[in-house]
Amino acid sequence: MASKTPGQKRFRPATELIHGGSARSHFGETSEALFLTQGFVYADAEAAEARFKGDDPGFVYSRYANPTVAMFEERMCRLEGAEAGQAVASGMAAVSAALLSDLKAGDHVVSSRALFGSCDYVVTQILPRFGIASTLVDGRDLDQWRAAMRPETRALFLESPSNPTLELIDIAAVAEMARANDARLIVDNVFSTPIFQKPLALGAHSVVYSATKHIDGQGRCLGGIVLSSEEWIEKKLFPYLKHTGPSLSPFNAWVLLKALETLELRVTRQTQSAAKLAEMLAAHPAVTRIYYPGHDSHPQHALAKRQMTGGGNIISFDLAGGKSGAFDMLRALQVVKISNNLGDSKSLITHPATTTHQRLTDEERAVLGIGDGLVRLSVGLEDPDDIKEDFEQALARARAPNVTAVSA
């Protein structure tokens, strides 16, 4: 577990992304050191006893903490403005741990309905197995949050923007409800990234990330992190992770550390390209609707401007031709690749109804706005004109009812 060092100077995000949390060994290496070790040795038995008792703050076992992992945790704390952070093996390990580490049988969770498929499974299928009830609400409707609250509600969970329709939730307003009910608000901030949105500053108790996405950003490794108050992580989250073991590999932590150095550069460039592409898609006759917080057609564009500093690199859009039109377009793409991942340097696209949200029933997908013609695009670092031209030629091949081929 890493926590902010008291009294240490804080720099602007771009500087922290390069230097934050660095802890050099006696060799004075420039790049962060990679400690591929399971355990640690002690000078004598007394030293081992002191380490295990907590009198000596050194490392004990890499399942608990590791020097390379600790550097990643500290850098993320500085970027997020968090007191403490705990890295884990994946984004879903972060979501599960943030919920299960502090809930018990008889507790109740309120969650937004618009969730990534695995998050939905944890909330609606896994938590009830342990006697933890859950209620799903339309996260955009603050009255539904209020109506769902119970005396036993102990956690609220949301994604904003959501996967895949990019719904936004007023984080500050929901955080106020959580505090009034002595509950925790956990925010999955993956789509916005810590560059464009700060849930803790908006009142959230905890924020979770799949570091697999934008933080790595180059399709190499899995990782996740939970960021919150030092007291909660030390007393609730750390014991849970220590004994259940979803630890982050030191090698993956090292990869993520190096990736953080370019995070701001990457997502800023990707977002600039996404904004341009959103304009083109919004005007294209084969596209019936786009979902992008940075575009003024988004129904919550005002909220996006209030709690986000950028629209992000994810765009979803509906095709007039339904599933056949979507598959035609996907088949014709040359630059953009089909993949269920996102946040990569490569532009990636997926069809949620048959991939990330295929487990849901037709009725459940309809409630979430996930139609057969919906696709989710993660804009990469390619030349924006090449991405635009790739969609123009692919959309010309997308079949639509009563519509002949649309010229590029």
Foldseek 3Di string as FASTA:
>chain_A
DAFDDPPDDADPLLVLLLDFLADDDPVPDPAHDQDQDFADDDPDPVRLVCCVVVVDVDDGGVLQPDSLLRSLFRSVCSLQVFGGKAKFAFLLVQLLLVPPLPDAAPAEEEEELQAFQSSCCCQPPVCVVRNYYYDYDNQQDVVRLVVPDDLRHAEYEYEALGPPQRDGHQLLSSLVVQVVSNHAYEYEDAQQPSVWFRSVVSRGAKYKYFCCAQLLQANDHTMMMMGGHPVCCVPGRSVVSSVVRRHHRSVVSSSSSVSSSCSVVWFVLLLVLQVVLVVVLCPDPQWDDKRWLCDPVHPCVVSCVVGTPTRTNKMKTFGQAFQQLQVQLQVQFDQEHEDPGASHQGKYKYQCCVPRNVVDDPVSCVVVVRTRRMMMIHGHNDDSVSVNVRNQVSSQRGDHVPDHRDHD
